[in-house]
Amino acid sequence: MSANTVAWGKIGTILKAQFNCFPQPNTAGQKPIEAILLKDTNQITELMHELKNKHDFSVLLLINAVEYKENFQIIYQLQKMPPNYEMLIIKVNISKTNPEINSVSKVWNSANWYERELWDLQGIKFKGHDNLQRILNPDSWEGFPLRKNYIPPLDALNGPITAVKGNAIGSLSQSTRSEVEIIEEPNKVVQP
C-alpha cells in the first residue's frame, strides 16, 4: 500500500457500518497508522467509547487542531498498549463560525488538559467539559493566540509597530492592524 492510498483499514472496516466516517490516507512507514475522518461530529463521544472499550485503544496520546480557511480539523491520536502498540488517528472537521464539539474528557481523563489548551489558544469549545477555562493565558486574556486572524495586544512585548497603510507611515493601534505592510519595529534607545 503506497503512502497516498485511501482504503479502509482494519478498524475502519469494523466502524463504517455504525459511524458516519471515511478512510484517510495511511501514513508511510514500516507500520502504517490508520486514519479515519468522522463526518458526524455528534458521534465523537460514542466513537471514542467504542474505540476504548471494545477495540482496546486505551491511551489518548494527543488532541490537536489545525485551522484551515473554512474550518478547524480536530485530530485525536489513540494507541493500544503492548504488545502491538497499534495507533489510530481520528479526524473531525468543525465550523470556524461556531467551533465546538463534544468533550471526550469523560472517556479519557487526559483529554481534560488537551481540550483546555485548544480552548485557550484556538477558541474551540468542548461541550460537556467540566472545567473549560484558560490553561496558559490569564483569564482576562482577549482572543485566541493560535488563530490565524489573531492580533496580539499592544504591550511591552508586542508593540507599537511601525507600518505602512496606504501612504501613511506610523504606529498602529490594535483596531487598525489589517491590510498593512509592516516595515520595521521601532528600536528604543535609552539616552544616558
N, C-alpha and C. Protein backbone atom coordinates (compact mmCIF):
# COMPACT_ATOMS: atom_id res chain seq x y z
N MET A 1 0.85 -1.18 0.00
CA MET A 1 0.00 0.00 0.00
C MET A 1 0.89 1.24 0.00
N SER A 2 0.69 2.14 -0.94
CA SER A 2 1.52 3.34 -1.01
C SER A 2 1.10 4.36 0.04
N ALA A 3 1.92 5.40 0.22
CA ALA A 3 1.67 6.41 1.25
C ALA A 3 0.39 7.20 0.99
N ASN A 4 -0.07 7.29 -0.27
CA ASN A 4 -1.24 8.10 -0.59
C ASN A 4 -2.51 7.27 -0.81
N THR A 5 -2.47 6.00 -0.49
CA THR A 5 -3.62 5.14 -0.69
C THR A 5 -4.71 5.47 0.33
N VAL A 6 -5.94 5.57 -0.17
CA VAL A 6 -7.08 5.76 0.72
C VAL A 6 -7.93 4.49 0.64
N ALA A 7 -7.91 3.73 1.73
CA ALA A 7 -8.68 2.49 1.79
C ALA A 7 -9.01 2.21 3.24
N TRP A 8 -10.08 1.45 3.44
CA TRP A 8 -10.45 1.09 4.79
C TRP A 8 -9.40 0.20 5.40
N GLY A 9 -8.99 0.53 6.61
CA GLY A 9 -8.09 -0.31 7.37
C GLY A 9 -8.90 -1.26 8.23
N LYS A 10 -8.22 -1.95 9.12
CA LYS A 10 -8.86 -2.97 9.97
C LYS A 10 -9.96 -2.36 10.85
N ILE A 11 -9.66 -1.27 11.55
CA ILE A 11 -10.65 -0.65 12.45
C ILE A 11 -11.76 0.04 11.66
N GLY A 12 -11.39 0.75 10.61
CA GLY A 12 -12.39 1.44 9.79
C GLY A 12 -13.40 0.50 9.19
N THR A 13 -12.96 -0.67 8.77
CA THR A 13 -13.86 -1.67 8.20
C THR A 13 -14.92 -2.07 9.22
N ILE A 14 -14.53 -2.16 10.47
CA ILE A 14 -15.47 -2.53 11.54
C ILE A 14 -16.41 -1.36 11.86
N LEU A 15 -15.87 -0.13 11.88
CA LEU A 15 -16.64 1.03 12.34
C LEU A 15 -17.57 1.63 11.29
N LYS A 16 -17.30 1.41 10.00
CA LYS A 16 -18.04 2.13 8.96
C LYS A 16 -19.53 1.84 8.93
N ALA A 17 -19.95 0.69 9.42
CA ALA A 17 -21.38 0.38 9.45
C ALA A 17 -22.11 1.16 10.55
N GLN A 18 -21.41 1.48 11.64
CA GLN A 18 -22.02 2.13 12.80
C GLN A 18 -21.85 3.64 12.81
N PHE A 19 -20.75 4.14 12.24
CA PHE A 19 -20.43 5.57 12.32
C PHE A 19 -20.30 6.17 10.92
N ASN A 20 -20.65 7.46 10.82
CA ASN A 20 -20.53 8.18 9.56
C ASN A 20 -19.08 8.64 9.40
N CYS A 21 -18.25 7.74 8.86
CA CYS A 21 -16.82 8.04 8.75
C CYS A 21 -16.27 7.58 7.41
N PHE A 22 -15.10 8.10 7.07
CA PHE A 22 -14.45 7.81 5.80
C PHE A 22 -12.98 7.56 6.03
N PRO A 23 -12.37 6.68 5.22
CA PRO A 23 -10.94 6.44 5.39
C PRO A 23 -10.12 7.64 4.93
N GLN A 24 -8.95 7.79 5.51
CA GLN A 24 -8.00 8.83 5.16
C GLN A 24 -6.71 8.16 4.68
N PRO A 25 -5.85 8.90 3.99
CA PRO A 25 -4.58 8.28 3.55
C PRO A 25 -3.79 7.74 4.74
N ASN A 26 -3.26 6.55 4.59
CA ASN A 26 -2.43 5.96 5.63
C ASN A 26 -1.07 6.64 5.64
N THR A 27 -0.44 6.66 6.79
CA THR A 27 0.89 7.22 6.89
C THR A 27 1.91 6.25 6.31
N ALA A 28 3.01 6.80 5.85
CA ALA A 28 4.09 5.95 5.33
C ALA A 28 4.87 5.37 6.50
N GLY A 29 5.59 4.34 6.24
CA GLY A 29 6.42 3.76 7.28
C GLY A 29 6.26 2.25 7.32
N GLN A 30 7.06 1.63 8.15
CA GLN A 30 7.01 0.18 8.25
C GLN A 30 5.68 -0.29 8.80
N LYS A 31 5.13 0.44 9.74
CA LYS A 31 3.84 0.09 10.34
C LYS A 31 2.89 1.27 10.13
N PRO A 32 2.11 1.25 9.03
CA PRO A 32 1.24 2.40 8.75
C PRO A 32 0.22 2.65 9.85
N ILE A 33 -0.11 3.91 10.03
CA ILE A 33 -1.10 4.30 11.03
C ILE A 33 -2.42 4.55 10.31
N GLU A 34 -3.45 3.87 10.74
CA GLU A 34 -4.77 4.04 10.12
C GLU A 34 -5.37 5.37 10.55
N ALA A 35 -6.03 6.05 9.61
CA ALA A 35 -6.67 7.33 9.90
C ALA A 35 -8.11 7.31 9.38
N ILE A 36 -9.01 7.91 10.15
CA ILE A 36 -10.44 7.94 9.81
C ILE A 36 -10.94 9.37 9.98
N LEU A 37 -11.76 9.83 9.05
CA LEU A 37 -12.44 11.12 9.16
C LEU A 37 -13.87 10.86 9.59
N LEU A 38 -14.24 11.36 10.76
CA LEU A 38 -15.61 11.24 11.27
C LEU A 38 -16.41 12.42 10.75
N LYS A 39 -17.45 12.15 9.97
CA LYS A 39 -18.24 13.22 9.37
C LYS A 39 -19.28 13.80 10.32
N ASP A 40 -19.85 12.98 11.18
CA ASP A 40 -20.89 13.43 12.11
C ASP A 40 -20.24 13.76 13.45
N THR A 41 -20.04 15.04 13.73
CA THR A 41 -19.35 15.46 14.95
C THR A 41 -20.11 15.03 16.21
N ASN A 42 -21.41 14.84 16.11
CA ASN A 42 -22.19 14.42 17.27
C ASN A 42 -21.87 12.99 17.71
N GLN A 43 -21.19 12.23 16.87
CA GLN A 43 -20.85 10.85 17.19
C GLN A 43 -19.50 10.70 17.88
N ILE A 44 -18.79 11.79 18.14
CA ILE A 44 -17.41 11.68 18.64
C ILE A 44 -17.33 10.95 19.98
N THR A 45 -18.19 11.26 20.92
CA THR A 45 -18.12 10.61 22.24
C THR A 45 -18.44 9.13 22.13
N GLU A 46 -19.47 8.81 21.38
CA GLU A 46 -19.85 7.40 21.18
C GLU A 46 -18.73 6.63 20.49
N LEU A 47 -18.11 7.23 19.47
CA LEU A 47 -17.00 6.58 18.77
C LEU A 47 -15.83 6.34 19.72
N MET A 48 -15.50 7.33 20.53
CA MET A 48 -14.36 7.18 21.45
C MET A 48 -14.63 6.11 22.51
N HIS A 49 -15.87 6.03 23.01
CA HIS A 49 -16.23 4.95 23.94
C HIS A 49 -16.03 3.59 23.26
N GLU A 50 -16.49 3.49 22.04
CA GLU A 50 -16.37 2.24 21.28
C GLU A 50 -14.90 1.85 21.11
N LEU A 51 -14.07 2.81 20.72
CA LEU A 51 -12.66 2.52 20.49
C LEU A 51 -11.93 2.13 21.78
N LYS A 52 -12.27 2.78 22.87
CA LYS A 52 -11.61 2.46 24.13
C LYS A 52 -12.08 1.14 24.71
N ASN A 53 -13.39 0.94 24.75
CA ASN A 53 -13.94 -0.21 25.46
C ASN A 53 -14.02 -1.49 24.64
N LYS A 54 -14.22 -1.38 23.33
CA LYS A 54 -14.38 -2.59 22.52
C LYS A 54 -13.18 -2.91 21.64
N HIS A 55 -12.33 -1.92 21.39
CA HIS A 55 -11.19 -2.13 20.49
C HIS A 55 -9.85 -1.91 21.17
N ASP A 56 -9.87 -1.70 22.47
CA ASP A 56 -8.65 -1.63 23.31
C ASP A 56 -7.71 -0.47 23.00
N PHE A 57 -8.22 0.62 22.46
CA PHE A 57 -7.39 1.83 22.33
C PHE A 57 -7.45 2.54 23.67
N SER A 58 -6.59 2.15 24.57
CA SER A 58 -6.68 2.59 25.96
C SER A 58 -5.93 3.89 26.25
N VAL A 59 -5.16 4.38 25.28
CA VAL A 59 -4.36 5.59 25.52
C VAL A 59 -4.74 6.68 24.52
N LEU A 60 -5.06 7.85 25.04
CA LEU A 60 -5.23 9.05 24.21
C LEU A 60 -3.89 9.77 24.25
N LEU A 61 -3.16 9.74 23.15
CA LEU A 61 -1.83 10.36 23.10
C LEU A 61 -1.88 11.86 22.88
N LEU A 62 -2.88 12.32 22.12
CA LEU A 62 -2.87 13.72 21.71
C LEU A 62 -4.24 14.13 21.17
N ILE A 63 -4.60 15.37 21.45
CA ILE A 63 -5.69 16.03 20.73
C ILE A 63 -5.09 17.33 20.22
N ASN A 64 -5.23 17.57 18.94
CA ASN A 64 -4.68 18.78 18.35
C ASN A 64 -5.70 19.34 17.36
N ALA A 65 -5.46 20.54 16.89
CA ALA A 65 -6.35 21.15 15.90
C ALA A 65 -5.53 21.90 14.87
N VAL A 66 -6.02 21.86 13.63
CA VAL A 66 -5.42 22.59 12.53
C VAL A 66 -6.47 23.54 12.00
N GLU A 67 -6.08 24.79 11.80
CA GLU A 67 -7.02 25.78 11.26
C GLU A 67 -6.84 25.87 9.75
N TYR A 68 -7.91 25.61 9.03
CA TYR A 68 -7.94 25.77 7.58
C TYR A 68 -8.75 27.02 7.26
N LYS A 69 -8.85 27.36 5.99
CA LYS A 69 -9.54 28.58 5.58
C LYS A 69 -10.99 28.60 6.06
N GLU A 70 -11.70 27.47 5.93
CA GLU A 70 -13.12 27.47 6.25
C GLU A 70 -13.50 26.64 7.47
N ASN A 71 -12.56 25.92 8.07
CA ASN A 71 -12.91 25.08 9.21
C ASN A 71 -11.68 24.76 10.06
N PHE A 72 -11.96 24.18 11.21
CA PHE A 72 -10.91 23.58 12.04
C PHE A 72 -11.00 22.07 11.86
N GLN A 73 -9.87 21.41 11.95
CA GLN A 73 -9.88 19.95 11.98
C GLN A 73 -9.28 19.52 13.31
N ILE A 74 -10.08 18.80 14.11
CA ILE A 74 -9.62 18.27 15.38
C ILE A 74 -9.02 16.89 15.08
N ILE A 75 -7.86 16.62 15.66
CA ILE A 75 -7.15 15.37 15.41
C ILE A 75 -6.91 14.67 16.74
N TYR A 76 -7.41 13.46 16.84
CA TYR A 76 -7.24 12.64 18.03
C TYR A 76 -6.28 11.50 17.67
N GLN A 77 -5.26 11.29 18.48
CA GLN A 77 -4.33 10.19 18.24
C GLN A 77 -4.47 9.19 19.39
N LEU A 78 -4.84 7.95 19.05
CA LEU A 78 -5.08 6.90 20.02
C LEU A 78 -4.05 5.79 19.85
N GLN A 79 -3.82 5.04 20.92
CA GLN A 79 -2.87 3.94 20.85
C GLN A 79 -3.32 2.79 21.74
N LYS A 80 -3.01 1.58 21.27
CA LYS A 80 -3.20 0.38 22.09
C LYS A 80 -1.92 0.16 22.88
N MET A 81 -2.06 -0.57 23.96
CA MET A 81 -0.90 -0.91 24.79
C MET A 81 -0.20 -2.15 24.22
N PRO A 82 0.94 -2.52 24.80
CA PRO A 82 1.70 -3.67 24.30
C PRO A 82 0.82 -4.92 24.20
N PRO A 83 1.13 -5.80 23.30
CA PRO A 83 2.41 -5.94 22.62
C PRO A 83 2.51 -5.24 21.27
N ASN A 84 1.37 -4.79 20.69
CA ASN A 84 1.47 -4.29 19.31
C ASN A 84 1.54 -2.78 19.15
N TYR A 85 1.17 -2.00 20.15
CA TYR A 85 1.21 -0.53 20.09
C TYR A 85 0.51 0.03 18.85
N GLU A 86 -0.56 -0.58 18.40
CA GLU A 86 -1.29 -0.11 17.23
C GLU A 86 -1.79 1.31 17.47
N MET A 87 -1.70 2.16 16.43
CA MET A 87 -2.13 3.55 16.54
C MET A 87 -3.28 3.83 15.58
N LEU A 88 -4.10 4.82 15.96
CA LEU A 88 -5.25 5.22 15.15
C LEU A 88 -5.40 6.73 15.24
N ILE A 89 -5.66 7.36 14.12
CA ILE A 89 -5.92 8.80 14.05
C ILE A 89 -7.39 9.00 13.70
N ILE A 90 -8.08 9.81 14.49
CA ILE A 90 -9.46 10.20 14.20
C ILE A 90 -9.45 11.69 13.90
N LYS A 91 -9.99 12.08 12.74
CA LYS A 91 -10.08 13.49 12.36
C LYS A 91 -11.54 13.90 12.31
N VAL A 92 -11.82 15.14 12.76
CA VAL A 92 -13.18 15.66 12.74
C VAL A 92 -13.11 17.13 12.32
N ASN A 93 -13.89 17.50 11.30
CA ASN A 93 -13.95 18.89 10.86
C ASN A 93 -15.08 19.60 11.58
N ILE A 94 -14.78 20.82 12.08
CA ILE A 94 -15.81 21.64 12.72
C ILE A 94 -15.79 23.04 12.14
N SER A 95 -16.89 23.71 12.25
CA SER A 95 -17.07 25.05 11.69
C SER A 95 -16.18 26.08 12.39
N LYS A 96 -15.70 27.07 11.62
CA LYS A 96 -14.96 28.18 12.22
C LYS A 96 -15.89 29.21 12.82
N THR A 97 -17.12 29.29 12.33
CA THR A 97 -18.05 30.29 12.85
C THR A 97 -18.57 29.91 14.24
N ASN A 98 -18.69 28.63 14.52
CA ASN A 98 -19.11 28.15 15.84
C ASN A 98 -18.28 26.91 16.17
N PRO A 99 -17.00 27.10 16.51
CA PRO A 99 -16.12 25.95 16.71
C PRO A 99 -16.38 25.23 18.04
N GLU A 100 -17.21 24.20 17.97
CA GLU A 100 -17.47 23.42 19.17
C GLU A 100 -17.70 21.95 18.81
N ILE A 101 -17.38 21.11 19.78
CA ILE A 101 -17.51 19.67 19.63
C ILE A 101 -17.69 19.09 21.03
N ASN A 102 -18.27 17.92 21.12
CA ASN A 102 -18.45 17.29 22.43
C ASN A 102 -17.11 16.90 23.03
N SER A 103 -17.01 17.05 24.33
CA SER A 103 -15.80 16.70 25.06
C SER A 103 -15.66 15.18 25.14
N VAL A 104 -14.41 14.71 25.12
CA VAL A 104 -14.14 13.29 25.36
C VAL A 104 -13.41 13.11 26.69
N SER A 105 -13.45 14.13 27.54
CA SER A 105 -12.74 14.07 28.83
C SER A 105 -13.34 13.06 29.79
N LYS A 106 -14.59 12.65 29.57
CA LYS A 106 -15.18 11.61 30.42
C LYS A 106 -14.76 10.22 29.94
N VAL A 107 -14.24 10.12 28.73
CA VAL A 107 -13.71 8.85 28.21
C VAL A 107 -12.25 8.70 28.64
N TRP A 108 -11.47 9.75 28.44
CA TRP A 108 -10.06 9.78 28.85
C TRP A 108 -9.84 11.00 29.73
N ASN A 109 -9.34 10.82 30.93
CA ASN A 109 -9.04 11.95 31.81
C ASN A 109 -8.01 12.88 31.19
N SER A 110 -7.07 12.35 30.42
CA SER A 110 -6.02 13.18 29.82
C SER A 110 -6.59 14.19 28.82
N ALA A 111 -7.78 13.95 28.30
CA ALA A 111 -8.39 14.89 27.36
C ALA A 111 -8.67 16.24 28.01
N ASN A 112 -8.84 16.25 29.32
CA ASN A 112 -9.10 17.48 30.06
C ASN A 112 -8.10 18.58 29.70
N TRP A 113 -6.83 18.27 29.77
CA TRP A 113 -5.78 19.26 29.53
C TRP A 113 -5.69 19.65 28.05
N TYR A 114 -5.80 18.67 27.17
CA TYR A 114 -5.74 18.97 25.73
C TYR A 114 -6.89 19.88 25.32
N GLU A 115 -8.09 19.58 25.80
CA GLU A 115 -9.25 20.38 25.44
C GLU A 115 -9.16 21.79 26.00
N ARG A 116 -8.65 21.93 27.22
CA ARG A 116 -8.47 23.27 27.80
C ARG A 116 -7.44 24.07 26.99
N GLU A 117 -6.39 23.42 26.56
CA GLU A 117 -5.37 24.10 25.77
C GLU A 117 -5.94 24.57 24.43
N LEU A 118 -6.74 23.71 23.77
CA LEU A 118 -7.34 24.11 22.49
C LEU A 118 -8.36 25.23 22.68
N TRP A 119 -9.07 25.23 23.81
CA TRP A 119 -9.98 26.34 24.10
C TRP A 119 -9.18 27.63 24.28
N ASP A 120 -8.12 27.56 25.06
CA ASP A 120 -7.32 28.74 25.40
C ASP A 120 -6.64 29.34 24.17
N LEU A 121 -6.07 28.50 23.33
CA LEU A 121 -5.24 29.00 22.23
C LEU A 121 -5.98 29.13 20.90
N GLN A 122 -7.05 28.34 20.69
CA GLN A 122 -7.74 28.41 19.41
C GLN A 122 -9.23 28.69 19.52
N GLY A 123 -9.76 28.74 20.73
CA GLY A 123 -11.16 29.09 20.91
C GLY A 123 -12.14 28.00 20.54
N ILE A 124 -11.71 26.75 20.61
CA ILE A 124 -12.59 25.63 20.30
C ILE A 124 -13.29 25.20 21.59
N LYS A 125 -14.62 25.21 21.58
CA LYS A 125 -15.40 24.87 22.77
C LYS A 125 -15.65 23.36 22.79
N PHE A 126 -15.48 22.77 23.96
CA PHE A 126 -15.74 21.35 24.14
C PHE A 126 -16.95 21.21 25.06
N LYS A 127 -18.10 20.91 24.44
CA LYS A 127 -19.36 20.81 25.18
C LYS A 127 -19.29 19.65 26.16
N GLY A 128 -19.72 19.91 27.39
CA GLY A 128 -19.73 18.88 28.41
C GLY A 128 -18.44 18.80 29.22
N HIS A 129 -17.48 19.65 28.91
CA HIS A 129 -16.23 19.67 29.68
C HIS A 129 -16.53 20.30 31.04
N ASP A 130 -16.02 19.68 32.11
CA ASP A 130 -16.34 20.14 33.46
C ASP A 130 -15.64 21.43 33.88
N ASN A 131 -14.53 21.77 33.24
CA ASN A 131 -13.73 22.91 33.69
C ASN A 131 -13.05 23.59 32.51
N LEU A 132 -13.82 24.04 31.54
CA LEU A 132 -13.25 24.64 30.34
C LEU A 132 -12.82 26.07 30.63
N GLN A 133 -11.59 26.21 31.15
CA GLN A 133 -11.01 27.51 31.47
C GLN A 133 -9.66 27.61 30.78
N ARG A 134 -9.16 28.84 30.71
CA ARG A 134 -7.84 29.04 30.14
C ARG A 134 -6.81 28.28 30.97
N ILE A 135 -5.78 27.80 30.28
CA ILE A 135 -4.76 26.99 30.95
C ILE A 135 -3.37 27.61 30.82
N LEU A 136 -3.13 28.39 29.76
CA LEU A 136 -1.82 29.01 29.53
C LEU A 136 -1.87 30.53 29.66
N ASN A 137 -2.95 31.14 29.24
CA ASN A 137 -3.10 32.59 29.30
C ASN A 137 -3.90 32.99 30.53
N PRO A 138 -3.74 34.23 31.01
CA PRO A 138 -4.56 34.69 32.13
C PRO A 138 -6.04 34.70 31.75
N ASP A 139 -6.90 34.59 32.75
CA ASP A 139 -8.35 34.58 32.50
C ASP A 139 -8.82 35.83 31.77
N SER A 140 -8.14 36.94 31.94
CA SER A 140 -8.55 38.21 31.32
C SER A 140 -8.06 38.35 29.87
N TRP A 141 -7.35 37.37 29.36
CA TRP A 141 -6.78 37.45 28.01
C TRP A 141 -7.89 37.52 26.97
N GLU A 142 -7.70 38.38 25.98
CA GLU A 142 -8.69 38.53 24.92
C GLU A 142 -8.18 37.84 23.66
N GLY A 143 -9.05 37.07 23.03
CA GLY A 143 -8.70 36.41 21.78
C GLY A 143 -8.02 35.07 21.99
N PHE A 144 -7.67 34.45 20.87
CA PHE A 144 -7.10 33.12 20.87
C PHE A 144 -5.81 33.14 20.04
N PRO A 145 -4.65 33.10 20.70
CA PRO A 145 -3.36 33.37 20.07
C PRO A 145 -2.96 32.48 18.90
N LEU A 146 -3.49 31.28 18.76
CA LEU A 146 -3.09 30.44 17.63
C LEU A 146 -4.02 30.53 16.43
N ARG A 147 -5.02 31.39 16.50
CA ARG A 147 -5.88 31.60 15.33
C ARG A 147 -5.14 32.47 14.32
N LYS A 148 -5.42 32.23 13.06
CA LYS A 148 -4.72 32.97 12.01
C LYS A 148 -5.09 34.45 12.01
N ASN A 149 -6.27 34.80 12.48
CA ASN A 149 -6.69 36.20 12.48
C ASN A 149 -6.38 36.91 13.80
N TYR A 150 -5.61 36.28 14.67
CA TYR A 150 -5.32 36.85 15.98
C TYR A 150 -4.40 38.06 15.86
N ILE A 151 -4.74 39.10 16.59
CA ILE A 151 -3.91 40.30 16.67
C ILE A 151 -3.47 40.44 18.12
N PRO A 152 -2.17 40.36 18.38
CA PRO A 152 -1.72 40.44 19.77
C PRO A 152 -1.98 41.82 20.36
N PRO A 153 -2.13 41.90 21.68
CA PRO A 153 -2.35 43.19 22.31
C PRO A 153 -1.11 44.05 22.25
N LEU A 154 -1.33 45.35 22.28
CA LEU A 154 -0.19 46.26 22.35
C LEU A 154 0.28 46.30 23.79
N ASP A 155 1.48 45.83 24.01
CA ASP A 155 2.06 45.85 25.35
C ASP A 155 3.57 45.95 25.21
N ALA A 156 4.27 45.78 26.29
CA ALA A 156 5.72 45.92 26.27
C ALA A 156 6.39 44.93 25.32
N LEU A 157 5.78 43.77 25.10
CA LEU A 157 6.37 42.77 24.21
C LEU A 157 5.92 42.88 22.77
N ASN A 158 4.73 43.43 22.54
CA ASN A 158 4.13 43.36 21.22
C ASN A 158 3.89 44.69 20.52
N GLY A 159 4.48 45.75 20.89
CA GLY A 159 4.19 46.96 20.13
C GLY A 159 4.83 48.17 20.75
N PRO A 160 4.66 49.33 20.22
CA PRO A 160 3.92 49.56 18.98
C PRO A 160 4.69 49.09 17.75
N ILE A 161 3.99 48.98 16.63
CA ILE A 161 4.60 48.54 15.38
C ILE A 161 4.52 49.68 14.39
N THR A 162 5.60 49.92 13.67
CA THR A 162 5.60 50.91 12.61
C THR A 162 5.22 50.20 11.32
N ALA A 163 4.27 50.79 10.58
CA ALA A 163 3.77 50.11 9.40
C ALA A 163 3.33 51.11 8.35
N VAL A 164 3.09 50.61 7.16
CA VAL A 164 2.61 51.42 6.06
C VAL A 164 1.16 51.02 5.78
N LYS A 165 0.26 52.00 5.78
CA LYS A 165 -1.13 51.76 5.39
C LYS A 165 -1.48 52.86 4.41
N GLY A 166 -1.62 52.47 3.15
CA GLY A 166 -1.79 53.47 2.11
C GLY A 166 -0.49 54.23 1.98
N ASN A 167 -0.54 55.56 2.12
CA ASN A 167 0.66 56.38 2.06
C ASN A 167 1.13 56.83 3.43
N ALA A 168 0.40 56.44 4.46
CA ALA A 168 0.74 56.90 5.81
C ALA A 168 1.70 55.91 6.48
N ILE A 169 2.69 56.45 7.18
CA ILE A 169 3.61 55.64 7.97
C ILE A 169 3.43 56.04 9.41
N GLY A 170 3.29 55.05 10.28
CA GLY A 170 3.14 55.38 11.69
C GLY A 170 2.82 54.16 12.52
N SER A 171 2.59 54.42 13.80
CA SER A 171 2.25 53.34 14.72
C SER A 171 0.81 52.92 14.50
N LEU A 172 0.56 51.64 14.71
CA LEU A 172 -0.79 51.10 14.53
C LEU A 172 -1.43 50.84 15.87
N SER A 173 -2.70 51.11 15.94
CA SER A 173 -3.44 50.72 17.14
C SER A 173 -3.93 49.29 16.95
N GLN A 174 -4.45 48.70 18.01
CA GLN A 174 -4.95 47.32 17.95
C GLN A 174 -6.02 47.18 16.87
N SER A 175 -6.89 48.18 16.73
CA SER A 175 -8.03 48.05 15.83
C SER A 175 -7.71 48.30 14.36
N THR A 176 -6.53 48.83 14.03
CA THR A 176 -6.24 49.15 12.63
C THR A 176 -5.14 48.28 12.04
N ARG A 177 -4.92 47.10 12.59
CA ARG A 177 -3.85 46.25 12.09
C ARG A 177 -4.28 45.31 10.98
N SER A 178 -5.13 45.73 10.09
CA SER A 178 -5.48 44.88 8.96
C SER A 178 -5.05 45.59 7.68
N GLU A 179 -4.74 44.80 6.67
CA GLU A 179 -4.34 45.31 5.36
C GLU A 179 -3.18 46.31 5.46
N VAL A 180 -2.15 45.95 6.20
CA VAL A 180 -0.99 46.82 6.33
C VAL A 180 0.27 46.04 5.99
N GLU A 181 1.30 46.75 5.70
CA GLU A 181 2.60 46.15 5.47
C GLU A 181 3.53 46.62 6.58
N ILE A 182 3.98 45.71 7.39
CA ILE A 182 4.87 46.06 8.49
C ILE A 182 6.27 46.27 7.92
N ILE A 183 6.85 47.42 8.20
CA ILE A 183 8.17 47.69 7.64
C ILE A 183 9.28 47.59 8.67
N GLU A 184 8.98 47.83 9.92
CA GLU A 184 10.00 47.70 10.96
C GLU A 184 9.36 47.80 12.34
N GLU A 185 10.07 47.32 13.30
CA GLU A 185 9.65 47.54 14.67
C GLU A 185 10.59 48.60 15.21
N PRO A 186 10.09 49.61 15.89
CA PRO A 186 10.94 50.69 16.34
C PRO A 186 11.94 50.22 17.40
N ASN A 187 13.14 50.75 17.30
CA ASN A 187 14.17 50.49 18.29
C ASN A 187 14.13 51.62 19.31
N LYS A 188 14.03 51.24 20.54
CA LYS A 188 14.02 52.24 21.60
C LYS A 188 15.43 52.39 22.12
N VAL A 189 15.94 53.58 22.03
CA VAL A 189 17.29 53.85 22.53
C VAL A 189 17.16 54.70 23.79
N VAL A 190 17.74 54.22 24.85
CA VAL A 190 17.68 54.95 26.12
C VAL A 190 18.91 55.84 26.19
N GLN A 191 18.66 57.14 26.36
CA GLN A 191 19.77 58.08 26.48
C GLN A 191 20.30 58.09 27.90
N PRO A 192 21.63 58.09 28.08
CA PRO A 192 22.19 58.11 29.43
C PRO A 192 21.98 59.45 30.11
